[in-house]
C-alpha atoms as a PDB file:
ATOM      1  CA  MET A   1       2.961 -26.350  19.991  1.00  0.00           C
ATOM      2  CA  LYS A   2       4.193 -25.326  16.653  1.00  0.00           C
ATOM      3  CA  ALA A   3       4.438 -21.180  15.758  1.00  0.00           C
ATOM      4  CA  LYS A   4       2.488 -19.968  13.599  1.00  0.00           C
ATOM      5  CA  GLN A   5       3.806 -19.847   9.775  1.00  0.00           C
ATOM      6  CA  LEU A   6       5.134 -16.276   8.389  1.00  0.00           C
ATOM      7  CA  LYS A   7       2.649 -16.107   5.716  1.00  0.00           C
ATOM      8  CA  MET A   8       2.771 -12.714   3.461  1.00  0.00           C
ATOM      9  CA  ILE A   9      -0.130 -10.674   1.490  1.00  0.00           C
ATOM     10  CA  LEU A  10       0.934  -8.719  -1.546  1.00  0.00           C
ATOM     11  CA  GLU A  11      -1.487  -7.240  -4.178  1.00  0.00           C
ATOM     12  CA  GLN A  12      -0.706  -5.411  -6.729  1.00  0.00           C
ATOM     13  CA  ILE A  13      -3.360  -2.488  -7.479  1.00  0.00           C
ATOM     14  CA  PRO A  14      -3.659  -0.557 -10.568  1.00  0.00           C
ATOM     15  CA  VAL A  15      -5.104   2.391  -9.666  1.00  0.00           C
ATOM     16  CA  GLY A  16      -6.405   6.090 -11.558  1.00  0.00           C
ATOM     17  CA  GLN A  17      -5.034   7.184 -15.189  1.00  0.00           C
ATOM     18  CA  MET A  18      -1.626   7.322 -14.520  1.00  0.00           C
ATOM     19  CA  GLN A  19      -0.719   3.605 -14.464  1.00  0.00           C
ATOM     20  CA  ASN A  20       0.340   4.136 -10.822  1.00  0.00           C
ATOM     21  CA  PHE A  21       1.018   0.488  -8.595  1.00  0.00           C
ATOM     22  CA  CYS A  22      -0.875   0.917  -5.092  1.00  0.00           C
ATOM     23  CA  TYR A  23       0.236  -1.939  -2.907  1.00  0.00           C
ATOM     24  CA  ILE A  24      -1.787  -3.602   0.635  1.00  0.00           C
ATOM     25  CA  VAL A  25       1.510  -5.884   2.059  1.00  0.00           C
ATOM     26  CA  ALA A  26       0.171  -8.129   5.571  1.00  0.00           C
ATOM     27  CA  ASP A  27       0.659 -10.647   7.846  1.00  0.00           C
ATOM     28  CA  GLU A  28      -1.733 -13.296   6.730  1.00  0.00           C
ATOM     29  CA  ASN A  29      -1.881 -14.562  10.424  1.00  0.00           C
ATOM     30  CA  THR A  30      -1.789 -11.197  12.626  1.00  0.00           C
ATOM     31  CA  ARG A  31      -3.818  -9.487   9.371  1.00  0.00           C
ATOM     32  CA  GLU A  32      -1.841  -6.315  10.628  1.00  0.00           C
ATOM     33  CA  ALA A  33      -1.706  -4.582   7.031  1.00  0.00           C
ATOM     34  CA  ALA A  34       0.408  -1.540   4.953  1.00  0.00           C
ATOM     35  CA  VAL A  35      -0.812   0.851   2.396  1.00  0.00           C
ATOM     36  CA  VAL A  36       1.591   2.036  -0.101  1.00  0.00           C
ATOM     37  CA  ASP A  37       1.475   4.757  -1.872  1.00  0.00           C
ATOM     38  CA  PRO A  38      -2.355   5.229  -1.668  1.00  0.00           C
ATOM     39  CA  ALA A  39      -3.505   7.568  -4.359  1.00  0.00           C
ATOM     40  CA  TRP A  40      -6.718   8.023  -6.990  1.00  0.00           C
ATOM     41  CA  GLU A  41      -8.947   4.481  -6.139  1.00  0.00           C
ATOM     42  CA  ASN A  42      -9.276   4.814  -2.278  1.00  0.00           C
ATOM     43  CA  SER A  43     -11.792   2.779  -2.294  1.00  0.00           C
ATOM     44  CA  LYS A  44     -11.027  -0.015  -4.488  1.00  0.00           C
ATOM     45  CA  ILE A  45      -8.082   0.032  -1.872  1.00  0.00           C
ATOM     46  CA  LEU A  46     -10.271  -0.581   0.491  1.00  0.00           C
ATOM     47  CA  LYS A  47     -12.682  -3.555  -0.476  1.00  0.00           C
ATOM     48  CA  ILE A  48      -9.224  -5.710  -1.242  1.00  0.00           C
ATOM     49  CA  ALA A  49      -8.462  -4.792   2.500  1.00  0.00           C
ATOM     50  CA  GLU A  50     -11.859  -5.754   3.539  1.00  0.00           C
ATOM     51  CA  LYS A  51     -12.018  -8.689   1.239  1.00  0.00           C
ATOM     52  CA  HIS A  52      -8.731 -10.054   3.544  1.00  0.00           C
ATOM     53  CA  GLY A  53      -9.893  -9.110   6.817  1.00  0.00           C
ATOM     54  CA  LEU A  54      -6.692  -6.938   6.911  1.00  0.00           C
ATOM     55  CA  LYS A  55      -6.833  -3.768  10.221  1.00  0.00           C
ATOM     56  CA  VAL A  56      -5.026  -1.113   7.717  1.00  0.00           C
ATOM     57  CA  ASN A  57      -2.550   0.472  10.510  1.00  0.00           C
ATOM     58  CA  LYS A  58       0.383   1.662   8.593  1.00  0.00           C
ATOM     59  CA  ILE A  59       0.916   3.756   5.261  1.00  0.00           C
ATOM     60  CA  LEU A  60       4.519   3.491   3.439  1.00  0.00           C
ATOM     61  CA  ILE A  61       5.522   5.915   1.343  1.00  0.00           C
ATOM     62  CA  THR A  62       7.921   5.607  -1.784  1.00  0.00           C
ATOM     63  CA  HIS A  63       8.252   9.380  -2.669  1.00  0.00           C
ATOM     64  CA  THR A  64       5.579  11.818  -1.965  1.00  0.00           C
ATOM     65  CA  ASP A  65       4.870  13.126  -6.014  1.00  0.00           C
ATOM     66  CA  PHE A  66       1.593  14.376  -6.263  1.00  0.00           C
ATOM     67  CA  ASP A  67      -0.044  11.000  -8.080  1.00  0.00           C
ATOM     68  CA  HIS A  68       1.505   8.926  -5.299  1.00  0.00           C
ATOM     69  CA  ILE A  69       0.108  10.721  -2.338  1.00  0.00           C
ATOM     70  CA  GLU A  70      -3.033  11.809  -4.485  1.00  0.00           C
ATOM     71  CA  GLY A  71      -5.154  10.129  -1.618  1.00  0.00           C
ATOM     72  CA  LEU A  72      -2.736   9.664   1.560  1.00  0.00           C
ATOM     73  CA  LYS A  73      -5.213  12.403   3.792  1.00  0.00           C
ATOM     74  CA  GLU A  74      -7.920  10.754   3.146  1.00  0.00           C
ATOM     75  CA  MET A  75      -7.000   7.120   3.222  1.00  0.00           C
ATOM     76  CA  ALA A  76      -5.216   8.223   7.097  1.00  0.00           C
ATOM     77  CA  GLY A  77      -8.417   9.635   8.125  1.00  0.00           C
ATOM     78  CA  ILE A  78     -10.364   6.815   7.695  1.00  0.00           C
ATOM     79  CA  THR A  79      -7.654   4.159   8.738  1.00  0.00           C
ATOM     80  CA  ASP A  80      -5.919   6.121  11.593  1.00  0.00           C
ATOM     81  CA  ALA A  81      -3.230   4.742  10.469  1.00  0.00           C
ATOM     82  CA  VAL A  82       0.864   6.143  10.924  1.00  0.00           C
ATOM     83  CA  VAL A  83       2.808   7.481   8.035  1.00  0.00           C
ATOM     84  CA  TYR A  84       5.998   6.417   7.116  1.00  0.00           C
ATOM     85  CA  VAL A  85       8.048   8.702   4.924  1.00  0.00           C
ATOM     86  CA  HIS A  86      11.988   9.248   3.826  1.00  0.00           C
ATOM     87  CA  LYS A  87      13.111  12.332   6.330  1.00  0.00           C
ATOM     88  CA  ASN A  88      13.284  14.287   2.838  1.00  0.00           C
ATOM     89  CA  GLY A  89       9.570  14.124   2.509  1.00  0.00           C
ATOM     90  CA  LYS A  90       8.473  15.002   6.091  1.00  0.00           C
ATOM     91  CA  ASP A  91       7.052  18.376   5.237  1.00  0.00           C
ATOM     92  CA  ASP A  92       5.017  17.503   1.987  1.00  0.00           C
ATOM     93  CA  ILE A  93       3.098  15.336   4.263  1.00  0.00           C
ATOM     94  CA  LYS A  94       2.476  18.113   7.107  1.00  0.00           C
ATOM     95  CA  ARG A  95       1.528  20.229   3.981  1.00  0.00           C
ATOM     96  CA  LEU A  96      -1.328  17.714   3.608  1.00  0.00           C
ATOM     97  CA  GLY A  97      -2.914  18.717   7.438  1.00  0.00           C
ATOM     98  CA  ILE A  98      -1.413  15.195   8.813  1.00  0.00           C
ATOM     99  CA  SER A  99      -0.227  14.600  11.911  1.00  0.00           C
ATOM    100  CA  ARG A 100       0.716  10.675  12.656  1.00  0.00           C
ATOM    101  CA  ILE A 101       3.873  11.167  10.753  1.00  0.00           C
ATOM    102  CA  LYS A 102       7.117   8.925  11.484  1.00  0.00           C
ATOM    103  CA  THR A 103       9.744   9.212   9.302  1.00  0.00           C
ATOM    104  CA  VAL A 104      12.618   6.847   8.514  1.00  0.00           C
ATOM    105  CA  ASN A 105      15.377   6.843   6.139  1.00  0.00           C
ATOM    106  CA  GLU A 106      18.602   4.697   4.918  1.00  0.00           C
ATOM    107  CA  GLY A 107      18.195   1.052   6.937  1.00  0.00           C
ATOM    108  CA  ASP A 108      15.440   1.222   9.387  1.00  0.00           C
ATOM    109  CA  GLU A 109      12.968  -1.773   9.926  1.00  0.00           C
ATOM    110  CA  ILE A 110       9.505  -0.928   9.749  1.00  0.00           C
ATOM    111  CA  ASP A 111       6.952  -4.297  10.828  1.00  0.00           C
ATOM    112  CA  ILE A 112       3.862  -5.253   9.569  1.00  0.00           C
ATOM    113  CA  GLY A 113       2.615  -8.236  12.321  1.00  0.00           C
ATOM    114  CA  LYS A 114       5.664 -10.280  11.800  1.00  0.00           C
ATOM    115  CA  ILE A 115       6.468  -8.943   8.164  1.00  0.00           C
ATOM    116  CA  LYS A 116       9.866  -7.368   8.270  1.00  0.00           C
ATOM    117  CA  ILE A 117       9.723  -4.714   5.715  1.00  0.00           C
ATOM    118  CA  SER A 118      13.588  -2.697   5.458  1.00  0.00           C
ATOM    119  CA  VAL A 119      14.346   0.733   4.016  1.00  0.00           C
ATOM    120  CA  LEU A 120      16.460   1.758   1.518  1.00  0.00           C
ATOM    121  CA  HIS A 121      17.169   5.127   0.364  1.00  0.00           C
ATOM    122  CA  THR A 122      17.127   5.833  -3.276  1.00  0.00           C
ATOM    123  CA  PRO A 123      17.061   9.374  -4.660  1.00  0.00           C
ATOM    124  CA  GLY A 124      17.577  10.797  -8.153  1.00  0.00           C
ATOM    125  CA  HIS A 125      13.654  11.037  -8.653  1.00  0.00           C
ATOM    126  CA  LYS A 126      12.937  12.330  -6.008  1.00  0.00           C
ATOM    127  CA  PRO A 127      15.698  13.591  -2.177  1.00  0.00           C
ATOM    128  CA  SER A 128      12.845  11.326  -0.605  1.00  0.00           C
ATOM    129  CA  CYS A 129      12.572   8.229  -2.923  1.00  0.00           C
ATOM    130  CA  VAL A 130      12.843   4.539  -1.145  1.00  0.00           C
ATOM    131  CA  CYS A 131      12.689   1.525  -2.183  1.00  0.00           C
ATOM    132  CA  PHE A 132      11.102  -1.052   0.702  1.00  0.00           C
ATOM    133  CA  LEU A 133      12.444  -4.566   0.772  1.00  0.00           C
ATOM    134  CA  ILE A 134       9.812  -7.065   2.430  1.00  0.00           C
ATOM    135  CA  GLY A 135      11.356  -9.813   4.563  1.00  0.00           C
ATOM    136  CA  THR A 136      14.418 -11.017   1.646  1.00  0.00           C
ATOM    137  CA  HIS A 137      12.862 -11.230  -1.937  1.00  0.00           C
ATOM    138  CA  LYS A 138      10.086  -8.605  -2.691  1.00  0.00           C
ATOM    139  CA  LEU A 139      11.073  -4.765  -2.791  1.00  0.00           C
ATOM    140  CA  LEU A 140       8.885  -1.639  -4.058  1.00  0.00           C
ATOM    141  CA  THR A 141      10.771   0.437  -5.965  1.00  0.00           C
ATOM    142  CA  GLY A 142       7.979   3.579  -7.010  1.00  0.00           C
ATOM    143  CA  ASP A 143       9.727   5.039  -8.774  1.00  0.00           C
ATOM    144  CA  THR A 144      13.317   4.828  -9.121  1.00  0.00           C
ATOM    145  CA  LEU A 145      13.281   1.758 -10.847  1.00  0.00           C
ATOM    146  CA  PHE A 146      10.291   0.723 -12.873  1.00  0.00           C
ATOM    147  CA  VAL A 147      10.265  -2.449 -15.406  1.00  0.00           C
ATOM    148  CA  GLU A 148      12.885  -1.682 -18.232  1.00  0.00           C
ATOM    149  CA  GLY A 149      12.509   1.595 -16.923  1.00  0.00           C
ATOM    150  CA  CYS A 150      13.594   5.072 -14.264  1.00  0.00           C
ATOM    151  CA  GLY A 151      11.788   7.446 -13.069  1.00  0.00           C
ATOM    152  CA  ARG A 152      12.281  10.911 -14.322  1.00  0.00           C
ATOM    153  CA  MET A 153      15.706  13.263 -13.831  1.00  0.00           C
ATOM    154  CA  ASP A 154      13.927  16.776 -15.070  1.00  0.00           C
ATOM    155  CA  MET A 155      11.618  17.249 -11.958  1.00  0.00           C
ATOM    156  CA  PRO A 156      12.378  19.613  -9.427  1.00  0.00           C
ATOM    157  CA  GLY A 157      14.566  17.708  -6.870  1.00  0.00           C
ATOM    158  CA  GLY A 158      15.702  14.940 -10.029  1.00  0.00           C
ATOM    159  CA  ASP A 159      19.410  14.126  -9.811  1.00  0.00           C
ATOM    160  CA  ILE A 160      21.138  12.074 -12.439  1.00  0.00           C
ATOM    161  CA  ASN A 161      24.140  11.824 -10.092  1.00  0.00           C
ATOM    162  CA  LYS A 162      22.283  10.629  -7.573  1.00  0.00           C
ATOM    163  CA  GLN A 163      20.130   8.073 -10.023  1.00  0.00           C
ATOM    164  CA  PHE A 164      22.362   6.754 -11.603  1.00  0.00           C
ATOM    165  CA  GLU A 165      24.042   5.723  -7.646  1.00  0.00           C
ATOM    166  CA  SER A 166      20.230   4.363  -6.226  1.00  0.00           C
ATOM    167  CA  LEU A 167      20.169   2.287  -9.647  1.00  0.00           C
ATOM    168  CA  GLN A 168      23.249   0.629  -8.886  1.00  0.00           C
ATOM    169  CA  LYS A 169      22.490  -0.063  -5.295  1.00  0.00           C
ATOM    170  CA  LEU A 170      19.676  -1.810  -6.828  1.00  0.00           C
ATOM    171  CA  LYS A 171      22.134  -3.511  -9.462  1.00  0.00           C
ATOM    172  CA  LYS A 172      24.265  -4.857  -7.105  1.00  0.00           C
ATOM    173  CA  MET A 173      21.004  -6.755  -4.835  1.00  0.00           C
ATOM    174  CA  ASP A 174      20.388 -10.598  -5.127  1.00  0.00           C
ATOM    175  CA  GLU A 175      19.012 -11.154  -8.594  1.00  0.00           C
ATOM    176  CA  ASP A 176      15.945 -13.245  -7.212  1.00  0.00           C
ATOM    177  CA  ILE A 177      14.871 -10.276  -5.648  1.00  0.00           C
ATOM    178  CA  ALA A 178      11.446  -9.757  -7.203  1.00  0.00           C
ATOM    179  CA  VAL A 179      10.775  -5.716  -8.727  1.00  0.00           C
ATOM    180  CA  TYR A 180       7.319  -4.613  -8.034  1.00  0.00           C
ATOM    181  CA  PRO A 181       7.392  -0.585  -9.699  1.00  0.00           C
ATOM    182  CA  GLY A 182       5.751   2.650  -8.748  1.00  0.00           C
ATOM    183  CA  HIS A 183       3.920   2.234 -12.883  1.00  0.00           C
ATOM    184  CA  ASP A 184       3.025   0.093 -14.507  1.00  0.00           C
ATOM    185  CA  TYR A 185       5.416   1.468 -17.978  1.00  0.00           C
ATOM    186  CA  GLY A 186       6.549  -2.136 -19.011  1.00  0.00           C
ATOM    187  CA  SER A 187       5.871  -4.855 -21.310  1.00  0.00           C
ATOM    188  CA  ILE A 188       4.785  -6.668 -17.662  1.00  0.00           C
ATOM    189  CA  PRO A 189       3.411  -5.813 -14.021  1.00  0.00           C
ATOM    190  CA  SER A 190       6.172  -6.642 -11.968  1.00  0.00           C
ATOM    191  CA  SER A 191       9.882  -8.012 -13.792  1.00  0.00           C
ATOM    192  CA  THR A 192      13.387  -9.355 -11.186  1.00  0.00           C
ATOM    193  CA  ILE A 193      16.803  -7.368 -10.441  1.00  0.00           C
ATOM    194  CA  LYS A 194      19.048 -10.238 -12.699  1.00  0.00           C
ATOM    195  CA  ARG A 195      15.483  -9.657 -15.616  1.00  0.00           C
ATOM    196  CA  GLU A 196      16.181  -6.069 -15.718  1.00  0.00           C
ATOM    197  CA  LYS A 197      20.244  -6.508 -15.356  1.00  0.00           C
ATOM    198  CA  ILE A 198      19.085  -7.689 -18.790  1.00  0.00           C
ATOM    199  CA  LYS A 199      16.784  -5.760 -19.879  1.00  0.00           C
ATOM    200  CA  ASN A 200      16.238  -2.563 -18.477  1.00  0.00           C
ATOM    201  CA  PRO A 201      18.262  -0.024 -20.378  1.00  0.00           C
ATOM    202  CA  PHE A 202      19.118   2.264 -17.574  1.00  0.00           C
ATOM    203  CA  LEU A 203      20.942  -0.980 -15.276  1.00  0.00           C
ATOM    204  CA  LYS A 204      22.560  -1.855 -17.890  1.00  0.00           C
ATOM    205  CA  CYS A 205      24.850   0.648 -18.121  1.00  0.00           C
ATOM    206  CA  SER A 206      28.645  -0.261 -16.996  1.00  0.00           C
ATOM    207  CA  SER A 207      29.296   3.455 -16.620  1.00  0.00           C
ATOM    208  CA  PHE A 208      27.961   6.564 -15.269  1.00  0.00           C
ATOM    209  CA  GLU A 209      29.108   8.338 -19.291  1.00  0.00           C
ATOM    210  CA  GLU A 210      26.822   5.689 -20.648  1.00  0.00           C
ATOM    211  CA  PHE A 211      23.540   7.016 -18.038  1.00  0.00           C
ATOM    212  CA  MET A 212      23.742  10.183 -19.225  1.00  0.00           C
ATOM    213  CA  ASN A 213      23.430   9.294 -22.718  1.00  0.00           C
ATOM    214  CA  ILE A 214      20.278   7.199 -22.470  1.00  0.00           C
ATOM    215  CA  GLY A 215      17.762   8.356 -25.291  1.00  0.00           C
END
């Protein structure tokens, strides 16, 4: 008897007034799902999950800025899902009154059914920033990397040195990897590492000095 072919559902969902993207990642065979960065329009997110017949049992957080976790407490209450967040963001989640928390760090893996998600710690915009590599060719970048831009470094927790290092890490990844950002700030909603190396001024930099001087 042949094993079922691994199939994935990935939905990019525009939410709220700050051009946020939330995501649903699911195993099409098991119907297990994760919601990434629930905020602003939980009813819209849950309707899409229902449309696919999914059971949301995990919530993944790219970082703990308010606009990415505004709907987290409600979503966790409705789904009873475990919240996955970088260890630097655990206290931010606990302050919301959420207790089902699992901390992650560089190199950890999260299973959504049989879908494997790898964690990359990418501080710079915020200490809790991570990117989620789904399989080998889809990368959820939160506010670390946007299409043609990157997250701000002049807010509490921002660090321009760490942001440069994080972007250099992403720059070295397979050029065919698709980039799915945390905001719809670019000319298109998603991109690739290859395209960003050509189009994104923050990835085009060859030195930290050049990176510092981008207007």
